[in-house]
Amino acid sequence: MNPFWSNIFHKKSEADSLISFLRSLAIFADLGRREVNFIASLVHARRYDPAETIFETGDPGTGMYAVRSGRVAIFIRHPDGHKEQLAVLGPGDFFGEATLLAPARRTASARTLEDTELVGLFRADLLEATKKHPSVTNAILISLARILSERMQAAEMEIRQLRTALRLSPPPADPEGDK
C-alpha cells in the first residue's frame, strides 16, 4: 500500500482500541483523553476460555472487571448445589466494582459463557495511583459512588415492588384448616 494511504486508512492500534473501550464505560465516561490514557496503563486485559471461572463466591474481592468481548454469567450456588443465575453480562458491562472501594468477599460467582476478554482494574493499582494522580482517581471514585448509588436505588425499588406483590397475593391456604 502507498504510504500516503496507509496513514489515512491505518488500523487502530491495540492501545487506541483499549482507550476507546474504556471511554465507553460509564465509570470512565467523565474523564478526558489524558486521564483515560493513564487508566489504560493501570488495567489488565485477559482472555478467558468458555466456562472458565473468574471468581467464586467467598473469594477475596480485589477489583472490577469490564467485559470487552464475550459473555459472563453471574450466579450463586445454593446449599443444595442448584445454581441460580443472577445476570448475563456482555460487552460494555462491568462487575465487581464495589471492591474498588473496600476489600470484601465476593457475594456471587462469575464464569464465562464463551471466549471472553475482560479488562480488570484492581484496588491495589487504584490505591497506588492515588499517590501520583489524585485528581484522576478522585474522578473515578466519584463516578463509582454515583454508579453504586444508582444500582442501590434500583435494587431498593425492586425490593419494594416485590414486597407490594407479596402483600397483594392471597395468603397460602392453611392445609390443616382454621383451628
C-alpha atoms as a PDB file:
ATOM      1  CA  MET A   1       0.000   0.000   0.000  1.00  0.00           C
ATOM      2  CA  ASN A   2       1.147   3.503  -0.790  1.00  0.00           C
ATOM      3  CA  PRO A   3       2.483   5.115   2.455  1.00  0.00           C
ATOM      4  CA  PHE A   4       0.189   8.080   1.904  1.00  0.00           C
ATOM      5  CA  TRP A   5      -2.908   5.872   2.036  1.00  0.00           C
ATOM      6  CA  SER A   6      -1.621   3.704   4.881  1.00  0.00           C
ATOM      7  CA  ASN A   7      -1.541   6.790   7.108  1.00  0.00           C
ATOM      8  CA  ILE A   8      -5.154   7.564   6.271  1.00  0.00           C
ATOM      9  CA  PHE A   9      -6.510   4.017   6.405  1.00  0.00           C
ATOM     10  CA  HIS A  10      -4.434   2.597   9.246  1.00  0.00           C
ATOM     11  CA  LYS A  11      -5.917   0.125  11.667  1.00  0.00           C
ATOM     12  CA  LYS A  12      -6.490   1.177  15.227  1.00  0.00           C
ATOM     13  CA  SER A  13      -3.658   0.139  17.466  1.00  0.00           C
ATOM     14  CA  GLU A  14      -4.445  -2.101  20.417  1.00  0.00           C
ATOM     15  CA  ALA A  15      -3.809   0.848  22.768  1.00  0.00           C
ATOM     16  CA  ASP A  16      -6.241   3.106  20.854  1.00  0.00           C
ATOM     17  CA  SER A  17      -8.810   0.333  20.869  1.00  0.00           C
ATOM     18  CA  LEU A  18      -8.420  -0.162  24.641  1.00  0.00           C
ATOM     19  CA  ILE A  19      -8.748   3.571  25.238  1.00  0.00           C
ATOM     20  CA  SER A  20     -11.908   3.702  23.113  1.00  0.00           C
ATOM     21  CA  PHE A  21     -13.335   0.788  25.082  1.00  0.00           C
ATOM     22  CA  LEU A  22     -12.510   2.393  28.435  1.00  0.00           C
ATOM     23  CA  ARG A  23     -14.092   5.692  27.369  1.00  0.00           C
ATOM     24  CA  SER A  24     -17.296   3.804  26.537  1.00  0.00           C
ATOM     25  CA  LEU A  25     -17.648   2.604  30.155  1.00  0.00           C
ATOM     26  CA  ALA A  26     -19.853   4.709  32.430  1.00  0.00           C
ATOM     27  CA  ILE A  27     -17.245   4.678  35.185  1.00  0.00           C
ATOM     28  CA  PHE A  28     -14.708   6.461  32.948  1.00  0.00           C
ATOM     29  CA  ALA A  29     -17.081   8.460  30.728  1.00  0.00           C
ATOM     30  CA  ASP A  30     -16.430  11.783  32.503  1.00  0.00           C
ATOM     31  CA  LEU A  31     -12.654  11.533  32.148  1.00  0.00           C
ATOM     32  CA  GLY A  32     -10.672  13.275  29.441  1.00  0.00           C
ATOM     33  CA  ARG A  33      -8.386  11.532  26.965  1.00  0.00           C
ATOM     34  CA  ARG A  34      -5.266  12.111  29.067  1.00  0.00           C
ATOM     35  CA  GLU A  35      -6.919  10.577  32.147  1.00  0.00           C
ATOM     36  CA  VAL A  36      -8.231   7.586  30.196  1.00  0.00           C
ATOM     37  CA  ASN A  37      -4.727   7.067  28.768  1.00  0.00           C
ATOM     38  CA  PHE A  38      -3.494   6.886  32.351  1.00  0.00           C
ATOM     39  CA  ILE A  39      -6.246   4.381  33.269  1.00  0.00           C
ATOM     40  CA  ALA A  40      -5.231   2.275  30.268  1.00  0.00           C
ATOM     41  CA  SER A  41      -1.804   1.921  31.860  1.00  0.00           C
ATOM     42  CA  LEU A  42      -3.397   0.582  35.076  1.00  0.00           C
ATOM     43  CA  VAL A  43      -5.793  -2.009  33.697  1.00  0.00           C
ATOM     44  CA  HIS A  44      -5.081  -5.633  32.904  1.00  0.00           C
ATOM     45  CA  ALA A  45      -6.637  -7.319  29.864  1.00  0.00           C
ATOM     46  CA  ARG A  46      -7.044 -11.077  29.818  1.00  0.00           C
ATOM     47  CA  ARG A  47      -8.709 -13.584  27.524  1.00  0.00           C
ATOM     48  CA  TYR A  48     -10.776 -16.383  29.053  1.00  0.00           C
ATOM     49  CA  ASP A  49     -11.900 -19.681  27.567  1.00  0.00           C
ATOM     50  CA  PRO A  50     -15.575 -20.704  27.608  1.00  0.00           C
ATOM     51  CA  ALA A  51     -16.780 -21.915  31.037  1.00  0.00           C
ATOM     52  CA  GLU A  52     -13.709 -20.502  32.791  1.00  0.00           C
ATOM     53  CA  THR A  53     -14.193 -19.321  36.364  1.00  0.00           C
ATOM     54  CA  ILE A  54     -13.335 -15.688  37.004  1.00  0.00           C
ATOM     55  CA  PHE A  55     -14.078 -15.868  40.724  1.00  0.00           C
ATOM     56  CA  GLU A  56     -16.210 -17.864  43.162  1.00  0.00           C
ATOM     57  CA  THR A  57     -18.488 -16.776  45.978  1.00  0.00           C
ATOM     58  CA  GLY A  58     -16.354 -16.121  49.034  1.00  0.00           C
ATOM     59  CA  ASP A  59     -13.168 -15.289  47.127  1.00  0.00           C
ATOM     60  CA  PRO A  60     -11.464 -12.065  48.196  1.00  0.00           C
ATOM     61  CA  GLY A  61     -12.682  -9.172  46.071  1.00  0.00           C
ATOM     62  CA  THR A  62      -9.725  -7.385  44.547  1.00  0.00           C
ATOM     63  CA  GLY A  63     -11.288  -5.219  41.868  1.00  0.00           C
ATOM     64  CA  MET A  64     -13.690  -4.818  38.993  1.00  0.00           C
ATOM     65  CA  TYR A  65     -13.928  -6.372  35.557  1.00  0.00           C
ATOM     66  CA  ALA A  66     -15.313  -4.926  32.341  1.00  0.00           C
ATOM     67  CA  VAL A  67     -16.475  -7.199  29.528  1.00  0.00           C
ATOM     68  CA  ARG A  68     -14.684  -6.191  26.337  1.00  0.00           C
ATOM     69  CA  SER A  69     -15.975  -9.153  24.328  1.00  0.00           C
ATOM     70  CA  GLY A  70     -17.902 -12.321  25.080  1.00  0.00           C
ATOM     71  CA  ARG A  71     -20.389 -13.010  27.861  1.00  0.00           C
ATOM     72  CA  VAL A  72     -20.143 -13.643  31.607  1.00  0.00           C
ATOM     73  CA  ALA A  73     -22.702 -15.317  33.869  1.00  0.00           C
ATOM     74  CA  ILE A  74     -23.045 -14.087  37.438  1.00  0.00           C
ATOM     75  CA  PHE A  75     -24.628 -16.711  39.698  1.00  0.00           C
ATOM     76  CA  ILE A  76     -24.996 -18.038  43.208  1.00  0.00           C
ATOM     77  CA  ARG A  77     -24.849 -21.639  44.262  1.00  0.00           C
ATOM     78  CA  HIS A  78     -27.470 -22.768  46.794  1.00  0.00           C
ATOM     79  CA  PRO A  79     -26.606 -25.232  49.574  1.00  0.00           C
ATOM     80  CA  ASP A  80     -28.378 -27.999  47.631  1.00  0.00           C
ATOM     81  CA  GLY A  81     -25.974 -27.414  44.696  1.00  0.00           C
ATOM     82  CA  HIS A  82     -28.541 -25.636  42.493  1.00  0.00           C
ATOM     83  CA  LYS A  83     -27.102 -22.646  40.584  1.00  0.00           C
ATOM     84  CA  GLU A  84     -29.242 -19.529  40.314  1.00  0.00           C
ATOM     85  CA  GLN A  85     -28.213 -17.196  37.503  1.00  0.00           C
ATOM     86  CA  LEU A  86     -28.432 -13.562  38.541  1.00  0.00           C
ATOM     87  CA  ALA A  87     -27.245 -11.885  35.349  1.00  0.00           C
ATOM     88  CA  VAL A  88     -25.611 -12.396  31.983  1.00  0.00           C
ATOM     89  CA  LEU A  89     -23.236  -9.581  31.102  1.00  0.00           C
ATOM     90  CA  GLY A  90     -21.908  -8.642  27.687  1.00  0.00           C
ATOM     91  CA  PRO A  91     -19.600  -6.102  26.080  1.00  0.00           C
ATOM     92  CA  GLY A  92     -19.596  -2.786  27.933  1.00  0.00           C
ATOM     93  CA  ASP A  93     -20.947  -4.251  31.178  1.00  0.00           C
ATOM     94  CA  PHE A  94     -18.802  -4.279  34.304  1.00  0.00           C
ATOM     95  CA  PHE A  95     -18.998  -6.052  37.639  1.00  0.00           C
ATOM     96  CA  GLY A  96     -17.214  -6.296  40.976  1.00  0.00           C
ATOM     97  CA  GLU A  97     -16.794  -2.533  41.170  1.00  0.00           C
ATOM     98  CA  ALA A  98     -17.722  -2.294  44.876  1.00  0.00           C
ATOM     99  CA  THR A  99     -14.427  -3.979  45.775  1.00  0.00           C
ATOM    100  CA  LEU A 100     -12.535  -0.983  44.395  1.00  0.00           C
ATOM    101  CA  LEU A 101     -13.712   0.939  47.462  1.00  0.00           C
ATOM    102  CA  ALA A 102     -13.261  -1.657  50.171  1.00  0.00           C
ATOM    103  CA  PRO A 103     -11.986  -5.203  50.261  1.00  0.00           C
ATOM    104  CA  ALA A 104     -14.832  -7.675  50.657  1.00  0.00           C
ATOM    105  CA  ARG A 105     -15.576 -11.284  49.856  1.00  0.00           C
ATOM    106  CA  ARG A 106     -17.345 -11.967  46.569  1.00  0.00           C
ATOM    107  CA  THR A 107     -21.083 -12.467  47.087  1.00  0.00           C
ATOM    108  CA  ALA A 108     -21.573 -14.340  43.819  1.00  0.00           C
ATOM    109  CA  SER A 109     -19.577 -16.343  41.298  1.00  0.00           C
ATOM    110  CA  ALA A 110     -18.616 -15.298  37.766  1.00  0.00           C
ATOM    111  CA  ARG A 111     -17.941 -17.634  34.854  1.00  0.00           C
ATOM    112  CA  THR A 112     -17.510 -17.059  31.140  1.00  0.00           C
ATOM    113  CA  LEU A 113     -20.099 -18.426  28.716  1.00  0.00           C
ATOM    114  CA  GLU A 114     -17.898 -18.185  25.618  1.00  0.00           C
ATOM    115  CA  ASP A 115     -14.495 -16.880  24.567  1.00  0.00           C
ATOM    116  CA  THR A 116     -14.305 -13.666  26.557  1.00  0.00           C
ATOM    117  CA  GLU A 117     -11.937 -10.776  27.042  1.00  0.00           C
ATOM    118  CA  LEU A 118     -12.097  -8.924  30.338  1.00  0.00           C
ATOM    119  CA  VAL A 119     -10.346  -5.754  31.402  1.00  0.00           C
ATOM    120  CA  GLY A 120      -9.617  -5.659  35.128  1.00  0.00           C
ATOM    121  CA  LEU A 121      -8.954  -2.668  37.340  1.00  0.00           C
ATOM    122  CA  PHE A 122      -7.701  -3.744  40.727  1.00  0.00           C
ATOM    123  CA  ARG A 123      -7.902  -1.988  44.063  1.00  0.00           C
ATOM    124  CA  ALA A 124      -4.143  -2.150  44.692  1.00  0.00           C
ATOM    125  CA  ASP A 125      -3.439  -0.399  41.369  1.00  0.00           C
ATOM    126  CA  LEU A 126      -6.061   2.260  42.062  1.00  0.00           C
ATOM    127  CA  LEU A 127      -4.680   2.921  45.557  1.00  0.00           C
ATOM    128  CA  GLU A 128      -1.161   3.236  44.171  1.00  0.00           C
ATOM    129  CA  ALA A 129      -2.444   5.663  41.523  1.00  0.00           C
ATOM    130  CA  THR A 130      -3.943   7.947  44.193  1.00  0.00           C
ATOM    131  CA  LYS A 131      -0.384   8.941  45.164  1.00  0.00           C
ATOM    132  CA  LYS A 132       0.610  10.089  41.670  1.00  0.00           C
ATOM    133  CA  HIS A 133      -2.699  11.159  40.130  1.00  0.00           C
ATOM    134  CA  PRO A 134      -5.195  12.027  42.893  1.00  0.00           C
ATOM    135  CA  SER A 135      -7.449  14.077  40.602  1.00  0.00           C
ATOM    136  CA  VAL A 136      -7.939  11.122  38.227  1.00  0.00           C
ATOM    137  CA  THR A 137      -8.604   8.630  40.996  1.00  0.00           C
ATOM    138  CA  ASN A 138     -10.977  11.079  42.724  1.00  0.00           C
ATOM    139  CA  ALA A 139     -12.946  11.401  39.475  1.00  0.00           C
ATOM    140  CA  ILE A 140     -13.125   7.613  39.208  1.00  0.00           C
ATOM    141  CA  LEU A 141     -14.256   7.265  42.829  1.00  0.00           C
ATOM    142  CA  ILE A 142     -16.949   9.930  42.402  1.00  0.00           C
ATOM    143  CA  SER A 143     -18.187   8.180  39.268  1.00  0.00           C
ATOM    144  CA  LEU A 144     -18.106   4.850  41.090  1.00  0.00           C
ATOM    145  CA  ALA A 145     -20.096   6.296  44.014  1.00  0.00           C
ATOM    146  CA  ARG A 146     -22.721   7.581  41.564  1.00  0.00           C
ATOM    147  CA  ILE A 147     -22.997   4.194  39.823  1.00  0.00           C
ATOM    148  CA  LEU A 148     -23.239   2.282  43.112  1.00  0.00           C
ATOM    149  CA  SER A 149     -25.876   4.719  44.355  1.00  0.00           C
ATOM    150  CA  GLU A 150     -27.919   4.252  41.157  1.00  0.00           C
ATOM    151  CA  ARG A 151     -27.661   0.474  41.479  1.00  0.00           C
ATOM    152  CA  MET A 152     -28.690   0.582  45.144  1.00  0.00           C
ATOM    153  CA  GLN A 153     -31.700   2.754  44.304  1.00  0.00           C
ATOM    154  CA  ALA A 154     -32.741   0.345  41.540  1.00  0.00           C
ATOM    155  CA  ALA A 155     -32.378  -2.616  43.917  1.00  0.00           C
ATOM    156  CA  GLU A 156     -34.448  -0.795  46.556  1.00  0.00           C
ATOM    157  CA  MET A 157     -37.217  -0.188  44.010  1.00  0.00           C
ATOM    158  CA  GLU A 158     -37.226  -3.887  43.075  1.00  0.00           C
ATOM    159  CA  ILE A 159     -37.443  -4.870  46.741  1.00  0.00           C
ATOM    160  CA  ARG A 160     -40.403  -2.504  47.245  1.00  0.00           C
ATOM    161  CA  GLN A 161     -42.162  -3.952  44.190  1.00  0.00           C
ATOM    162  CA  LEU A 162     -41.624  -7.489  45.470  1.00  0.00           C
ATOM    163  CA  ARG A 163     -42.953  -6.562  48.912  1.00  0.00           C
ATOM    164  CA  THR A 164     -46.016  -4.970  47.346  1.00  0.00           C
ATOM    165  CA  ALA A 165     -46.596  -8.013  45.145  1.00  0.00           C
ATOM    166  CA  LEU A 166     -46.308 -10.329  48.148  1.00  0.00           C
ATOM    167  CA  ARG A 167     -48.800  -8.251  50.182  1.00  0.00           C
ATOM    168  CA  LEU A 168     -51.282  -8.282  47.312  1.00  0.00           C
ATOM    169  CA  SER A 169     -51.186 -12.026  46.783  1.00  0.00           C
ATOM    170  CA  PRO A 170     -53.620 -14.016  48.896  1.00  0.00           C
ATOM    171  CA  PRO A 171     -52.099 -15.832  51.851  1.00  0.00           C
ATOM    172  CA  PRO A 172     -51.441 -19.528  51.282  1.00  0.00           C
ATOM    173  CA  ALA A 173     -54.275 -21.814  52.357  1.00  0.00           C
ATOM    174  CA  ASP A 174     -53.843 -23.484  55.720  1.00  0.00           C
ATOM    175  CA  PRO A 175     -53.630 -27.220  54.901  1.00  0.00           C
ATOM    176  CA  GLU A 176     -54.989 -28.167  58.320  1.00  0.00           C
ATOM    177  CA  GLY A 177     -57.881 -25.777  58.199  1.00  0.00           C
ATOM    178  CA  ASP A 178     -58.602 -22.901  60.503  1.00  0.00           C
ATOM    179  CA  LYS A 179     -58.238 -24.013  64.132  1.00  0.00           C
END
